[in-house]
PDB file of N, CA and C in Angstrom:
ATOM      1  N   MET A   1       8.532  -0.951  -8.240  1.00  0.00           N
ATOM      2  CA  MET A   1       7.577   0.038  -7.837  1.00  0.00           C
ATOM      3  C   MET A   1       8.239   0.970  -6.849  1.00  0.00           C
ATOM      4  N   THR A   2       7.878   2.268  -6.965  1.00  0.00           N
ATOM      5  CA  THR A   2       8.508   3.284  -6.088  1.00  0.00           C
ATOM      6  C   THR A   2       7.636   3.509  -4.875  1.00  0.00           C
ATOM      7  N   PHE A   3       8.250   3.462  -3.711  1.00  0.00           N
ATOM      8  CA  PHE A   3       7.628   3.773  -2.428  1.00  0.00           C
ATOM      9  C   PHE A   3       8.408   4.877  -1.758  1.00  0.00           C
ATOM     10  N   TYR A   4       7.790   5.648  -0.907  1.00  0.00           N
ATOM     11  CA  TYR A   4       8.464   6.641  -0.097  1.00  0.00           C
ATOM     12  C   TYR A   4       8.707   6.141   1.284  1.00  0.00           C
ATOM     13  N   ASN A   5       9.970   6.102   1.690  1.00  0.00           N
ATOM     14  CA  ASN A   5      10.351   5.634   3.015  1.00  0.00           C
ATOM     15  C   ASN A   5      10.359   6.811   3.980  1.00  0.00           C
ATOM     16  N   LEU A   6       9.412   6.861   4.912  1.00  0.00           N
ATOM     17  CA  LEU A   6       9.344   7.947   5.855  1.00  0.00           C
ATOM     18  C   LEU A   6      10.538   7.962   6.860  1.00  0.00           C
ATOM     19  N   LYS A   7      11.105   6.855   7.127  1.00  0.00           N
ATOM     20  CA  LYS A   7      12.192   6.757   8.043  1.00  0.00           C
ATOM     21  C   LYS A   7      13.475   7.424   7.490  1.00  0.00           C
ATOM     22  N   THR A   8      13.763   7.195   6.215  1.00  0.00           N
ATOM     23  CA  THR A   8      14.963   7.772   5.608  1.00  0.00           C
ATOM     24  C   THR A   8      14.658   8.996   4.774  1.00  0.00           C
ATOM     25  N   ARG A   9      13.350   9.303   4.619  1.00  0.00           N
ATOM     26  CA  ARG A   9      12.859  10.412   3.820  1.00  0.00           C
ATOM     27  C   ARG A   9      13.384  10.366   2.399  1.00  0.00           C
ATOM     28  N   SER A  10      13.261   9.193   1.763  1.00  0.00           N
ATOM     29  CA  SER A  10      13.727   9.057   0.422  1.00  0.00           C
ATOM     30  C   SER A  10      12.849   8.055  -0.363  1.00  0.00           C
ATOM     31  N   HIS A  11      12.900   8.151  -1.662  1.00  0.00           N
ATOM     32  CA  HIS A  11      12.128   7.183  -2.495  1.00  0.00           C
ATOM     33  C   HIS A  11      13.007   5.900  -2.668  1.00  0.00           C
ATOM     34  N   VAL A  12      12.361   4.783  -2.578  1.00  0.00           N
ATOM     35  CA  VAL A  12      13.053   3.514  -2.737  1.00  0.00           C
ATOM     36  C   VAL A  12      12.310   2.661  -3.806  1.00  0.00           C
ATOM     37  N   GLU A  13      13.082   1.845  -4.526  1.00  0.00           N
ATOM     38  CA  GLU A  13      12.517   0.904  -5.521  1.00  0.00           C
ATOM     39  C   GLU A  13      12.336  -0.444  -4.844  1.00  0.00           C
ATOM     40  N   VAL A  14      11.138  -0.991  -4.966  1.00  0.00           N
ATOM     41  CA  VAL A  14      10.828  -2.302  -4.414  1.00  0.00           C
ATOM     42  C   VAL A  14      10.401  -3.188  -5.558  1.00  0.00           C
ATOM     43  N   PRO A  15      10.932  -4.445  -5.622  1.00  0.00           N
ATOM     44  CA  PRO A  15      10.524  -5.326  -6.715  1.00  0.00           C
ATOM     45  C   PRO A  15       9.039  -5.686  -6.628  1.00  0.00           C
ATOM     46  N   GLU A  16       8.397  -5.813  -7.781  1.00  0.00           N
ATOM     47  CA  GLU A  16       7.012  -6.054  -7.876  1.00  0.00           C
ATOM     48  C   GLU A  16       6.556  -7.342  -7.068  1.00  0.00           C
ATOM     49  N   GLY A  17       7.445  -8.294  -7.024  1.00  0.00           N
ATOM     50  CA  GLY A  17       7.117  -9.596  -6.296  1.00  0.00           C
ATOM     51  C   GLY A  17       6.991  -9.403  -4.788  1.00  0.00           C
ATOM     52  N   ASP A  18       7.575  -8.368  -4.236  1.00  0.00           N
ATOM     53  CA  ASP A  18       7.468  -8.119  -2.786  1.00  0.00           C
ATOM     54  C   ASP A  18       6.366  -7.190  -2.398  1.00  0.00           C
ATOM     55  N   VAL A  19       5.505  -6.852  -3.339  1.00  0.00           N
ATOM     56  CA  VAL A  19       4.386  -5.917  -3.027  1.00  0.00           C
ATOM     57  C   VAL A  19       3.129  -6.704  -2.787  1.00  0.00           C
ATOM     58  N   ARG A  20       2.406  -6.369  -1.809  1.00  0.00           N
ATOM     59  CA  ARG A  20       1.073  -6.961  -1.482  1.00  0.00           C
ATOM     60  C   ARG A  20       0.011  -5.811  -1.492  1.00  0.00           C
ATOM     61  N   LYS A  21      -1.235  -6.175  -1.776  1.00  0.00           N
ATOM     62  CA  LYS A  21      -2.259  -5.142  -1.715  1.00  0.00           C
ATOM     63  C   LYS A  21      -3.205  -5.441  -0.506  1.00  0.00           C
ATOM     64  N   THR A  22      -3.664  -4.415   0.138  1.00  0.00           N
ATOM     65  CA  THR A  22      -4.502  -4.560   1.277  1.00  0.00           C
ATOM     66  C   THR A  22      -5.614  -3.505   1.263  1.00  0.00           C
ATOM     67  N   LYS A  23      -6.761  -3.864   1.835  1.00  0.00           N
ATOM     68  CA  LYS A  23      -7.904  -2.962   1.929  1.00  0.00           C
ATOM     69  C   LYS A  23      -8.135  -2.721   3.396  1.00  0.00           C
ATOM     70  N   MET A  24      -8.248  -1.439   3.791  1.00  0.00           N
ATOM     71  CA  MET A  24      -8.497  -1.109   5.197  1.00  0.00           C
ATOM     72  C   MET A  24      -9.864  -0.472   5.303  1.00  0.00           C
ATOM     73  N   VAL A  25     -10.729  -1.030   6.125  1.00  0.00           N
ATOM     74  CA  VAL A  25     -12.096  -0.553   6.295  1.00  0.00           C
ATOM     75  C   VAL A  25     -12.293  -0.144   7.769  1.00  0.00           C
ATOM     76  N   ARG A  26     -12.828   1.065   7.937  1.00  0.00           N
ATOM     77  CA  ARG A  26     -13.096   1.502   9.282  1.00  0.00           C
ATOM     78  C   ARG A  26     -14.462   2.163   9.383  1.00  0.00           C
ATOM     79  N   LYS A  27     -15.125   2.082  10.517  1.00  0.00           N
ATOM     80  CA  LYS A  27     -16.399   2.689  10.691  1.00  0.00           C
ATOM     81  C   LYS A  27     -16.310   4.157  11.144  1.00  0.00           C
ATOM     82  N   THR A  28     -17.099   5.007  10.540  1.00  0.00           N
ATOM     83  CA  THR A  28     -17.145   6.373  10.863  1.00  0.00           C
ATOM     84  C   THR A  28     -18.555   6.703  11.313  1.00  0.00           C
ATOM     85  N   LYS A  29     -18.828   7.905  11.728  1.00  0.00           N
ATOM     86  CA  LYS A  29     -20.174   8.304  12.094  1.00  0.00           C
ATOM     87  C   LYS A  29     -21.149   8.177  10.927  1.00  0.00           C
ATOM     88  N   SER A  30     -20.646   8.505   9.713  1.00  0.00           N
ATOM     89  CA  SER A  30     -21.517   8.528   8.568  1.00  0.00           C
ATOM     90  C   SER A  30     -21.462   7.263   7.709  1.00  0.00           C
ATOM     91  N   GLY A  31     -20.834   6.187   8.229  1.00  0.00           N
ATOM     92  CA  GLY A  31     -20.798   4.931   7.472  1.00  0.00           C
ATOM     93  C   GLY A  31     -19.417   4.264   7.525  1.00  0.00           C
ATOM     94  N   GLU A  32     -18.975   3.720   6.461  1.00  0.00           N
ATOM     95  CA  GLU A  32     -17.688   3.074   6.413  1.00  0.00           C
ATOM     96  C   GLU A  32     -16.763   3.787   5.467  1.00  0.00           C
ATOM     97  N   GLN A  33     -15.495   3.800   5.795  1.00  0.00           N
ATOM     98  CA  GLN A  33     -14.450   4.385   4.977  1.00  0.00           C
ATOM     99  C   GLN A  33     -13.529   3.263   4.527  1.00  0.00           C
ATOM    100  N   THR A  34     -13.285   3.134   3.232  1.00  0.00           N
ATOM    101  CA  THR A  34     -12.355   2.112   2.737  1.00  0.00           C
ATOM    102  C   THR A  34     -11.177   2.785   2.126  1.00  0.00           C
ATOM    103  N   ARG A  35     -10.004   2.351   2.530  1.00  0.00           N
ATOM    104  CA  ARG A  35      -8.761   2.851   2.004  1.00  0.00           C
ATOM    105  C   ARG A  35      -8.064   1.661   1.334  1.00  0.00           C
ATOM    106  N   TYR A  36      -7.486   1.931   0.175  1.00  0.00           N
ATOM    107  CA  TYR A  36      -6.737   0.911  -0.585  1.00  0.00           C
ATOM    108  C   TYR A  36      -5.258   1.261  -0.507  1.00  0.00           C
ATOM    109  N   ALA A  37      -4.429   0.218  -0.299  1.00  0.00           N
ATOM    110  CA  ALA A  37      -3.008   0.468  -0.134  1.00  0.00           C
ATOM    111  C   ALA A  37      -2.199  -0.702  -0.759  1.00  0.00           C
ATOM    112  N   LEU A  38      -0.995  -0.351  -1.174  1.00  0.00           N
ATOM    113  CA  LEU A  38      -0.027  -1.289  -1.578  1.00  0.00           C
ATOM    114  C   LEU A  38       0.998  -1.331  -0.443  1.00  0.00           C
ATOM    115  N   LYS A  39       1.430  -2.502  -0.025  1.00  0.00           N
ATOM    116  CA  LYS A  39       2.288  -2.655   1.158  1.00  0.00           C
ATOM    117  C   LYS A  39       3.511  -3.456   0.744  1.00  0.00           C
ATOM    118  N   ALA A  40       4.689  -3.035   1.201  1.00  0.00           N
ATOM    119  CA  ALA A  40       5.938  -3.725   0.920  1.00  0.00           C
ATOM    120  C   ALA A  40       6.841  -3.661   2.128  1.00  0.00           C
ATOM    121  N   SER A  41       7.780  -4.652   2.131  1.00  0.00           N
ATOM    122  CA  SER A  41       8.751  -4.636   3.230  1.00  0.00           C
ATOM    123  C   SER A  41      10.127  -4.367   2.594  1.00  0.00           C
ATOM    124  N   TYR A  42      10.836  -3.423   3.128  1.00  0.00           N
ATOM    125  CA  TYR A  42      12.142  -2.999   2.569  1.00  0.00           C
ATOM    126  C   TYR A  42      13.112  -2.776   3.678  1.00  0.00           C
ATOM    127  N   GLN A  43      14.124  -3.620   3.750  1.00  0.00           N
ATOM    128  CA  GLN A  43      15.217  -3.562   4.787  1.00  0.00           C
ATOM    129  C   GLN A  43      14.614  -3.438   6.184  1.00  0.00           C
ATOM    130  N   GLY A  44      13.588  -4.320   6.471  1.00  0.00           N
ATOM    131  CA  GLY A  44      13.005  -4.374   7.802  1.00  0.00           C
ATOM    132  C   GLY A  44      11.953  -3.314   8.074  1.00  0.00           C
ATOM    133  N   THR A  45      11.692  -2.393   7.140  1.00  0.00           N
ATOM    134  CA  THR A  45      10.699  -1.399   7.306  1.00  0.00           C
ATOM    135  C   THR A  45       9.468  -1.702   6.432  1.00  0.00           C
ATOM    136  N   THR A  46       8.287  -1.569   7.023  1.00  0.00           N
ATOM    137  CA  THR A  46       7.067  -1.766   6.255  1.00  0.00           C
ATOM    138  C   THR A  46       6.675  -0.430   5.587  1.00  0.00           C
ATOM    139  N   LEU A  47       6.488  -0.514   4.317  1.00  0.00           N
ATOM    140  CA  LEU A  47       6.153   0.705   3.517  1.00  0.00           C
ATOM    141  C   LEU A  47       4.738   0.615   3.015  1.00  0.00           C
ATOM    142  N   PHE A  48       4.025   1.674   3.023  1.00  0.00           N
ATOM    143  CA  PHE A  48       2.629   1.758   2.471  1.00  0.00           C
ATOM    144  C   PHE A  48       2.599   2.775   1.409  1.00  0.00           C
ATOM    145  N   LYS A  49       1.727   2.504   0.394  1.00  0.00           N
ATOM    146  CA  LYS A  49       1.469   3.446  -0.700  1.00  0.00           C
ATOM    147  C   LYS A  49      -0.025   3.440  -0.878  1.00  0.00           C
ATOM    148  N   PHE A  50      -0.709   4.531  -0.513  1.00  0.00           N
ATOM    149  CA  PHE A  50      -2.175   4.569  -0.696  1.00  0.00           C
ATOM    150  C   PHE A  50      -2.525   4.894  -2.138  1.00  0.00           C
ATOM    151  N   VAL A  51      -3.433   4.149  -2.658  1.00  0.00           N
ATOM    152  CA  VAL A  51      -3.824   4.233  -4.078  1.00  0.00           C
ATOM    153  C   VAL A  51      -5.318   4.355  -4.180  1.00  0.00           C
ATOM    154  N   ASN A  52      -5.815   4.712  -5.365  1.00  0.00           N
ATOM    155  CA  ASN A  52      -7.241   4.736  -5.555  1.00  0.00           C
ATOM    156  C   ASN A  52      -7.770   3.353  -5.899  1.00  0.00           C
ATOM    157  N   GLU A  53      -9.077   3.166  -5.949  1.00  0.00           N
ATOM    158  CA  GLU A  53      -9.699   1.875  -6.103  1.00  0.00           C
ATOM    159  C   GLU A  53      -9.344   1.271  -7.517  1.00  0.00           C
ATOM    160  N   ALA A  54      -9.289   2.083  -8.522  1.00  0.00           N
ATOM    161  CA  ALA A  54      -8.961   1.582  -9.885  1.00  0.00           C
ATOM    162  C   ALA A  54      -7.530   1.000  -9.949  1.00  0.00           C
ATOM    163  N   THR A  55      -6.614   1.678  -9.306  1.00  0.00           N
ATOM    164  CA  THR A  55      -5.200   1.228  -9.260  1.00  0.00           C
ATOM    165  C   THR A  55      -5.139  -0.075  -8.466  1.00  0.00           C
ATOM    166  N   PHE A  56      -5.860  -0.108  -7.372  1.00  0.00           N
ATOM    167  CA  PHE A  56      -5.906  -1.288  -6.470  1.00  0.00           C
ATOM    168  C   PHE A  56      -6.359  -2.554  -7.262  1.00  0.00           C
ATOM    169  N   LYS A  57      -7.433  -2.364  -7.972  1.00  0.00           N
ATOM    170  CA  LYS A  57      -8.060  -3.510  -8.733  1.00  0.00           C
ATOM    171  C   LYS A  57      -7.164  -3.933  -9.929  1.00  0.00           C
ATOM    172  N   SER A  58      -6.489  -2.984 -10.561  1.00  0.00           N
ATOM    173  CA  SER A  58      -5.657  -3.314 -11.656  1.00  0.00           C
ATOM    174  C   SER A  58      -4.278  -3.833 -11.306  1.00  0.00           C
ATOM    175  N   SER A  59      -3.899  -3.765 -10.036  1.00  0.00           N
ATOM    176  CA  SER A  59      -2.601  -4.280  -9.590  1.00  0.00           C
ATOM    177  C   SER A  59      -2.567  -5.792  -9.597  1.00  0.00           C
ATOM    178  N   ASN A  60      -1.411  -6.317  -9.978  1.00  0.00           N
ATOM    179  CA  ASN A  60      -1.205  -7.795 -10.015  1.00  0.00           C
ATOM    180  C   ASN A  60      -0.711  -8.360  -8.727  1.00  0.00           C
ATOM    181  N   ALA A  61      -0.549  -7.535  -7.692  1.00  0.00           N
ATOM    182  CA  ALA A  61      -0.065  -7.957  -6.419  1.00  0.00           C
ATOM    183  C   ALA A  61      -1.022  -8.859  -5.716  1.00  0.00           C
ATOM    184  N   LYS A  62      -0.520  -9.761  -4.879  1.00  0.00           N
ATOM    185  CA  LYS A  62      -1.378 -10.647  -4.070  1.00  0.00           C
ATOM    186  C   LYS A  62      -2.049  -9.872  -3.014  1.00  0.00           C
ATOM    187  N   GLU A  63      -3.296 -10.218  -2.700  1.00  0.00           N
ATOM    188  CA  GLU A  63      -4.073  -9.507  -1.649  1.00  0.00           C
ATOM    189  C   GLU A  63      -3.894 -10.183  -0.290  1.00  0.00           C
ATOM    190  N   GLU A  64      -3.759  -9.360   0.739  1.00  0.00           N
ATOM    191  CA  GLU A  64      -3.624  -9.875   2.112  1.00  0.00           C
ATOM    192  C   GLU A  64      -4.952 -10.076   2.738  1.00  0.00           C
TER     193      GLU A  64
END
């Protein structure tokens, strides 16, 4: 799976087995905001890839 590394400003390939999915919920004035992300660790750097809900649910990654 391709992630963008902000530290090196380049795209990196991460094996599917190293990817986890996570859901971030925060309260706002008008309710709750939910963000879906895929998370991976690559050479000591944590990488995030924000995705839509459909991609999040269809992913085979383990959920944190």
